[in-house]
Amino acid sequence: QVQLVESGGGLVQAGGSLRLSCAASGRTFSSAAMGWFRQAPGKEREFVARIVSSGSSTYYADSVKGRFTISRDNAKNTVYLQMNSLKPEDTAVYYCAAGSPSKVVYGVFDYWGQGTQVTVSS
């Protein structure tokens, strides 16, 4: 079982930056693939980024490529999402997710956090 708690959301002006953190409990964190998703009002949840268990490989949605960076610190059981050059369309609730690598490669995540709100003003 893995429990995930996100933090770091808030209100920022367009062009600004935020860093989201996701603290995980459980011994299996270091072997889990991790991801970030977001859901804007009235829209479906969408994939943002994911990272393999070792941190050596990452993958991004086209909409955030070059602006967002996902990373992890297995010693701290934490995954991060550094968001730069934020745009109003990045406004959403951001969710952290975890899953076994064999499932995540197919887009299946077993564990989810409660979400943190990111609001980008124009």
N, C-alpha and C. Protein backbone atom coordinates (compact mmCIF):
# COMPACT_ATOMS: atom_id res chain seq x y z
N GLN A 1 0.86 -1.20 0.00
CA GLN A 1 0.00 0.00 0.00
C GLN A 1 0.89 1.24 0.00
N VAL A 2 0.54 2.22 -0.79
CA VAL A 2 1.27 3.48 -0.87
C VAL A 2 0.30 4.62 -0.65
N GLN A 3 0.65 5.54 0.23
CA GLN A 3 -0.15 6.74 0.43
C GLN A 3 0.64 7.94 -0.09
N LEU A 4 -0.06 8.83 -0.78
CA LEU A 4 0.59 9.96 -1.44
C LEU A 4 -0.04 11.27 -0.96
N VAL A 5 0.82 12.23 -0.64
CA VAL A 5 0.35 13.54 -0.19
C VAL A 5 1.07 14.62 -0.98
N GLU A 6 0.31 15.39 -1.76
CA GLU A 6 0.88 16.46 -2.56
C GLU A 6 0.93 17.76 -1.77
N SER A 7 1.86 18.62 -2.16
CA SER A 7 1.96 19.96 -1.59
C SER A 7 2.65 20.86 -2.59
N GLY A 8 2.59 22.17 -2.33
CA GLY A 8 3.31 23.12 -3.16
C GLY A 8 2.45 23.88 -4.15
N GLY A 9 1.18 23.57 -4.21
CA GLY A 9 0.31 24.31 -5.11
C GLY A 9 0.07 25.72 -4.62
N GLY A 10 -0.54 26.53 -5.47
CA GLY A 10 -0.82 27.90 -5.08
C GLY A 10 -1.18 28.75 -6.26
N LEU A 11 -1.16 30.06 -6.04
CA LEU A 11 -1.48 31.04 -7.06
C LEU A 11 -0.19 31.69 -7.56
N VAL A 12 -0.02 31.73 -8.86
CA VAL A 12 1.18 32.32 -9.45
C VAL A 12 0.80 33.06 -10.73
N GLN A 13 1.56 34.08 -11.06
CA GLN A 13 1.31 34.82 -12.30
C GLN A 13 1.87 34.06 -13.49
N ALA A 14 1.30 34.31 -14.64
CA ALA A 14 1.79 33.70 -15.87
C ALA A 14 3.27 34.02 -16.04
N GLY A 15 4.02 33.01 -16.44
CA GLY A 15 5.46 33.15 -16.57
C GLY A 15 6.23 32.75 -15.33
N GLY A 16 5.53 32.56 -14.23
CA GLY A 16 6.17 32.20 -12.98
C GLY A 16 6.42 30.71 -12.86
N SER A 17 6.88 30.33 -11.68
CA SER A 17 7.26 28.94 -11.42
C SER A 17 6.67 28.45 -10.10
N LEU A 18 6.47 27.15 -10.04
CA LEU A 18 6.07 26.47 -8.81
C LEU A 18 6.74 25.10 -8.80
N ARG A 19 6.98 24.58 -7.61
CA ARG A 19 7.47 23.21 -7.49
C ARG A 19 6.50 22.44 -6.62
N LEU A 20 5.93 21.41 -7.19
CA LEU A 20 5.05 20.52 -6.44
C LEU A 20 5.87 19.37 -5.86
N SER A 21 5.45 18.94 -4.69
CA SER A 21 6.07 17.78 -4.04
C SER A 21 5.01 16.74 -3.76
N CYS A 22 5.42 15.51 -3.76
CA CYS A 22 4.52 14.41 -3.43
C CYS A 22 5.28 13.47 -2.49
N ALA A 23 4.87 13.45 -1.25
CA ALA A 23 5.50 12.59 -0.25
C ALA A 23 4.76 11.26 -0.20
N ALA A 24 5.52 10.18 -0.29
CA ALA A 24 4.93 8.85 -0.31
C ALA A 24 5.29 8.07 0.94
N SER A 25 4.35 7.31 1.41
CA SER A 25 4.62 6.40 2.51
C SER A 25 4.67 4.98 1.97
N GLY A 26 5.34 4.11 2.68
CA GLY A 26 5.41 2.73 2.23
C GLY A 26 6.79 2.36 1.74
N ARG A 27 7.15 1.12 1.93
CA ARG A 27 8.49 0.66 1.58
C ARG A 27 8.69 0.49 0.09
N THR A 28 7.61 0.47 -0.66
CA THR A 28 7.73 0.15 -2.08
C THR A 28 7.97 1.35 -2.97
N PHE A 29 8.16 2.55 -2.36
CA PHE A 29 8.30 3.75 -3.17
C PHE A 29 9.43 3.64 -4.17
N SER A 30 10.57 3.17 -3.72
CA SER A 30 11.75 3.16 -4.59
C SER A 30 11.58 2.24 -5.79
N SER A 31 10.65 1.31 -5.72
CA SER A 31 10.42 0.41 -6.84
C SER A 31 9.22 0.81 -7.68
N ALA A 32 8.54 1.86 -7.29
CA ALA A 32 7.33 2.29 -7.99
C ALA A 32 7.64 3.33 -9.05
N ALA A 33 6.94 3.26 -10.16
CA ALA A 33 6.96 4.35 -11.13
C ALA A 33 5.99 5.41 -10.63
N MET A 34 6.32 6.66 -10.88
CA MET A 34 5.52 7.77 -10.36
C MET A 34 5.08 8.66 -11.50
N GLY A 35 3.96 9.34 -11.28
CA GLY A 35 3.47 10.23 -12.31
C GLY A 35 2.73 11.42 -11.73
N TRP A 36 2.55 12.42 -12.59
CA TRP A 36 1.72 13.57 -12.26
C TRP A 36 0.63 13.69 -13.32
N PHE A 37 -0.56 13.99 -12.84
CA PHE A 37 -1.71 14.23 -13.70
C PHE A 37 -2.34 15.55 -13.28
N ARG A 38 -3.23 16.07 -14.10
CA ARG A 38 -3.95 17.29 -13.72
C ARG A 38 -5.37 17.25 -14.28
N GLN A 39 -6.23 17.98 -13.61
CA GLN A 39 -7.62 18.07 -14.05
C GLN A 39 -8.10 19.50 -13.88
N ALA A 40 -8.43 20.11 -14.99
CA ALA A 40 -8.97 21.47 -14.99
C ALA A 40 -10.49 21.40 -14.87
N PRO A 41 -11.11 22.47 -14.41
CA PRO A 41 -12.57 22.48 -14.26
C PRO A 41 -13.28 22.15 -15.57
N GLY A 42 -14.20 21.21 -15.51
CA GLY A 42 -14.96 20.84 -16.69
C GLY A 42 -14.23 19.98 -17.69
N LYS A 43 -13.02 19.58 -17.35
CA LYS A 43 -12.23 18.76 -18.28
C LYS A 43 -11.88 17.43 -17.64
N GLU A 44 -11.49 16.49 -18.49
CA GLU A 44 -11.05 15.19 -17.98
C GLU A 44 -9.62 15.30 -17.42
N ARG A 45 -9.31 14.38 -16.54
CA ARG A 45 -7.95 14.33 -16.02
C ARG A 45 -7.00 13.96 -17.16
N GLU A 46 -5.84 14.62 -17.17
CA GLU A 46 -4.87 14.35 -18.23
C GLU A 46 -3.49 14.08 -17.66
N PHE A 47 -2.75 13.30 -18.38
CA PHE A 47 -1.39 12.95 -18.01
C PHE A 47 -0.48 14.16 -18.17
N VAL A 48 0.45 14.32 -17.23
CA VAL A 48 1.42 15.41 -17.30
C VAL A 48 2.84 14.86 -17.49
N ALA A 49 3.26 13.97 -16.59
CA ALA A 49 4.62 13.44 -16.65
C ALA A 49 4.72 12.16 -15.84
N ARG A 50 5.71 11.35 -16.17
CA ARG A 50 5.98 10.17 -15.35
C ARG A 50 7.48 9.92 -15.30
N ILE A 51 7.90 9.14 -14.28
CA ILE A 51 9.31 8.87 -14.06
C ILE A 51 9.45 7.42 -13.60
N VAL A 52 10.47 6.75 -14.08
CA VAL A 52 10.68 5.36 -13.69
C VAL A 52 11.24 5.29 -12.27
N SER A 53 11.29 4.09 -11.72
CA SER A 53 11.66 3.92 -10.31
C SER A 53 13.06 4.45 -10.00
N SER A 54 13.98 4.27 -10.91
CA SER A 54 15.35 4.74 -10.67
C SER A 54 15.52 6.22 -10.92
N GLY A 55 14.57 6.83 -11.60
CA GLY A 55 14.69 8.23 -11.96
C GLY A 55 15.46 8.48 -13.24
N SER A 56 15.89 7.42 -13.90
CA SER A 56 16.76 7.57 -15.06
C SER A 56 16.02 7.90 -16.35
N SER A 57 14.71 7.73 -16.33
CA SER A 57 13.93 7.97 -17.54
C SER A 57 12.65 8.71 -17.19
N THR A 58 12.32 9.69 -18.02
CA THR A 58 11.12 10.48 -17.81
C THR A 58 10.34 10.61 -19.11
N TYR A 59 9.06 10.97 -18.99
CA TYR A 59 8.21 11.14 -20.16
C TYR A 59 7.21 12.24 -19.86
N TYR A 60 6.95 13.11 -20.86
CA TYR A 60 6.11 14.27 -20.65
C TYR A 60 5.02 14.38 -21.70
N ALA A 61 3.92 15.00 -21.30
CA ALA A 61 2.91 15.39 -22.27
C ALA A 61 3.48 16.51 -23.12
N ASP A 62 3.07 16.57 -24.37
CA ASP A 62 3.58 17.61 -25.26
C ASP A 62 3.30 19.01 -24.74
N SER A 63 2.19 19.16 -24.05
CA SER A 63 1.78 20.49 -23.58
C SER A 63 2.71 21.06 -22.52
N VAL A 64 3.50 20.22 -21.86
CA VAL A 64 4.38 20.70 -20.79
C VAL A 64 5.85 20.46 -21.09
N LYS A 65 6.14 19.78 -22.18
CA LYS A 65 7.53 19.45 -22.51
C LYS A 65 8.35 20.71 -22.65
N GLY A 66 9.51 20.72 -22.00
CA GLY A 66 10.39 21.88 -22.04
C GLY A 66 10.10 22.91 -20.96
N ARG A 67 8.98 22.78 -20.29
CA ARG A 67 8.62 23.72 -19.21
C ARG A 67 8.57 23.04 -17.85
N PHE A 68 8.15 21.79 -17.82
CA PHE A 68 8.03 21.04 -16.56
C PHE A 68 9.12 19.98 -16.47
N THR A 69 9.55 19.70 -15.25
CA THR A 69 10.53 18.65 -15.00
C THR A 69 10.10 17.80 -13.83
N ILE A 70 10.02 16.51 -14.05
CA ILE A 70 9.70 15.57 -12.98
C ILE A 70 11.00 14.96 -12.48
N SER A 71 11.09 14.80 -11.16
CA SER A 71 12.26 14.18 -10.56
C SER A 71 11.84 13.47 -9.28
N ARG A 72 12.74 12.70 -8.73
CA ARG A 72 12.41 11.98 -7.50
C ARG A 72 13.65 11.83 -6.63
N ASP A 73 13.40 11.72 -5.34
CA ASP A 73 14.45 11.47 -4.37
C ASP A 73 14.01 10.25 -3.59
N ASN A 74 14.55 9.09 -3.93
CA ASN A 74 14.10 7.86 -3.29
C ASN A 74 14.50 7.80 -1.82
N ALA A 75 15.54 8.50 -1.44
CA ALA A 75 15.93 8.53 -0.03
C ALA A 75 14.89 9.28 0.80
N LYS A 76 14.19 10.20 0.17
CA LYS A 76 13.17 10.99 0.88
C LYS A 76 11.75 10.55 0.53
N ASN A 77 11.63 9.50 -0.27
CA ASN A 77 10.29 9.03 -0.68
C ASN A 77 9.45 10.16 -1.26
N THR A 78 10.06 10.95 -2.12
CA THR A 78 9.38 12.14 -2.63
C THR A 78 9.60 12.27 -4.13
N VAL A 79 8.56 12.65 -4.82
CA VAL A 79 8.65 12.98 -6.24
C VAL A 79 8.26 14.45 -6.41
N TYR A 80 8.90 15.11 -7.36
CA TYR A 80 8.71 16.54 -7.56
C TYR A 80 8.23 16.83 -8.97
N LEU A 81 7.58 17.97 -9.10
CA LEU A 81 7.26 18.49 -10.43
C LEU A 81 7.61 19.97 -10.43
N GLN A 82 8.71 20.29 -11.09
CA GLN A 82 9.13 21.68 -11.24
C GLN A 82 8.42 22.25 -12.45
N MET A 83 7.67 23.31 -12.25
CA MET A 83 6.87 23.90 -13.33
C MET A 83 7.36 25.33 -13.58
N ASN A 84 7.88 25.57 -14.76
CA ASN A 84 8.38 26.88 -15.15
C ASN A 84 7.55 27.43 -16.30
N SER A 85 7.68 28.73 -16.52
CA SER A 85 6.97 29.38 -17.62
C SER A 85 5.49 29.01 -17.61
N LEU A 86 4.89 29.13 -16.46
CA LEU A 86 3.50 28.70 -16.32
C LEU A 86 2.56 29.58 -17.13
N LYS A 87 1.50 28.93 -17.62
CA LYS A 87 0.50 29.60 -18.44
C LYS A 87 -0.87 29.47 -17.77
N PRO A 88 -1.79 30.35 -18.07
CA PRO A 88 -3.12 30.22 -17.48
C PRO A 88 -3.76 28.86 -17.76
N GLU A 89 -3.45 28.29 -18.89
CA GLU A 89 -4.03 26.98 -19.21
C GLU A 89 -3.43 25.83 -18.40
N ASP A 90 -2.42 26.12 -17.60
CA ASP A 90 -1.89 25.11 -16.68
C ASP A 90 -2.71 25.03 -15.38
N THR A 91 -3.66 25.94 -15.23
CA THR A 91 -4.50 25.95 -14.03
C THR A 91 -5.29 24.65 -13.94
N ALA A 92 -5.15 23.98 -12.80
CA ALA A 92 -5.79 22.68 -12.60
C ALA A 92 -5.48 22.18 -11.19
N VAL A 93 -6.16 21.12 -10.82
CA VAL A 93 -5.76 20.35 -9.64
C VAL A 93 -4.75 19.32 -10.12
N TYR A 94 -3.61 19.29 -9.47
CA TYR A 94 -2.53 18.38 -9.85
C TYR A 94 -2.49 17.20 -8.89
N TYR A 95 -2.44 16.01 -9.47
CA TYR A 95 -2.46 14.78 -8.70
C TYR A 95 -1.16 13.99 -8.91
N CYS A 96 -0.67 13.45 -7.83
CA CYS A 96 0.45 12.53 -7.86
C CYS A 96 -0.09 11.11 -7.92
N ALA A 97 0.61 10.24 -8.63
CA ALA A 97 0.15 8.86 -8.75
C ALA A 97 1.35 7.91 -8.73
N ALA A 98 1.09 6.68 -8.30
CA ALA A 98 2.15 5.67 -8.24
C ALA A 98 1.63 4.33 -8.74
N GLY A 99 2.55 3.54 -9.25
CA GLY A 99 2.14 2.22 -9.71
C GLY A 99 3.33 1.35 -10.02
N SER A 100 3.08 0.09 -10.23
CA SER A 100 4.16 -0.82 -10.60
C SER A 100 4.60 -0.51 -12.02
N PRO A 101 5.90 -0.60 -12.27
CA PRO A 101 6.40 -0.27 -13.61
C PRO A 101 5.72 -1.04 -14.75
N SER A 102 5.35 -2.28 -14.48
CA SER A 102 4.73 -3.10 -15.53
C SER A 102 3.33 -2.60 -15.89
N LYS A 103 2.70 -1.89 -14.98
CA LYS A 103 1.37 -1.32 -15.25
C LYS A 103 1.47 0.10 -15.77
N VAL A 104 2.38 0.87 -15.20
CA VAL A 104 2.50 2.28 -15.57
C VAL A 104 2.85 2.44 -17.04
N VAL A 105 3.60 1.49 -17.59
CA VAL A 105 3.95 1.58 -19.00
C VAL A 105 2.70 1.56 -19.88
N TYR A 106 1.60 1.03 -19.35
CA TYR A 106 0.32 1.02 -20.06
C TYR A 106 -0.61 2.11 -19.55
N GLY A 107 -0.07 3.00 -18.72
CA GLY A 107 -0.87 4.11 -18.23
C GLY A 107 -1.73 3.79 -17.03
N VAL A 108 -1.47 2.69 -16.37
CA VAL A 108 -2.27 2.28 -15.21
C VAL A 108 -1.52 2.60 -13.93
N PHE A 109 -2.12 3.45 -13.11
CA PHE A 109 -1.56 3.82 -11.81
C PHE A 109 -2.52 3.32 -10.72
N ASP A 110 -1.98 2.72 -9.68
CA ASP A 110 -2.80 2.11 -8.64
C ASP A 110 -3.10 3.03 -7.47
N TYR A 111 -2.24 4.01 -7.23
CA TYR A 111 -2.38 4.85 -6.05
C TYR A 111 -2.40 6.32 -6.46
N TRP A 112 -3.25 7.08 -5.75
CA TRP A 112 -3.43 8.49 -6.09
C TRP A 112 -3.43 9.35 -4.83
N GLY A 113 -2.90 10.57 -4.97
CA GLY A 113 -2.99 11.53 -3.90
C GLY A 113 -4.30 12.29 -3.97
N GLN A 114 -4.46 13.24 -3.05
CA GLN A 114 -5.72 13.98 -2.97
C GLN A 114 -5.73 15.22 -3.87
N GLY A 115 -4.58 15.58 -4.37
CA GLY A 115 -4.49 16.70 -5.29
C GLY A 115 -4.12 18.01 -4.63
N THR A 116 -3.51 18.89 -5.41
CA THR A 116 -3.17 20.23 -4.96
C THR A 116 -3.51 21.21 -6.07
N GLN A 117 -4.10 22.34 -5.69
CA GLN A 117 -4.58 23.31 -6.69
C GLN A 117 -3.45 24.20 -7.16
N VAL A 118 -3.36 24.35 -8.47
CA VAL A 118 -2.44 25.30 -9.09
C VAL A 118 -3.28 26.27 -9.92
N THR A 119 -3.12 27.55 -9.63
CA THR A 119 -3.86 28.57 -10.36
C THR A 119 -2.87 29.57 -10.94
N VAL A 120 -2.94 29.76 -12.26
CA VAL A 120 -2.04 30.67 -12.94
C VAL A 120 -2.86 31.84 -13.47
N SER A 121 -2.55 33.02 -12.99
CA SER A 121 -3.29 34.21 -13.41
C SER A 121 -2.61 34.87 -14.60
N SER A 122 -3.42 35.49 -15.44
CA SER A 122 -2.88 36.14 -16.65
C SER A 122 -2.52 37.59 -16.39
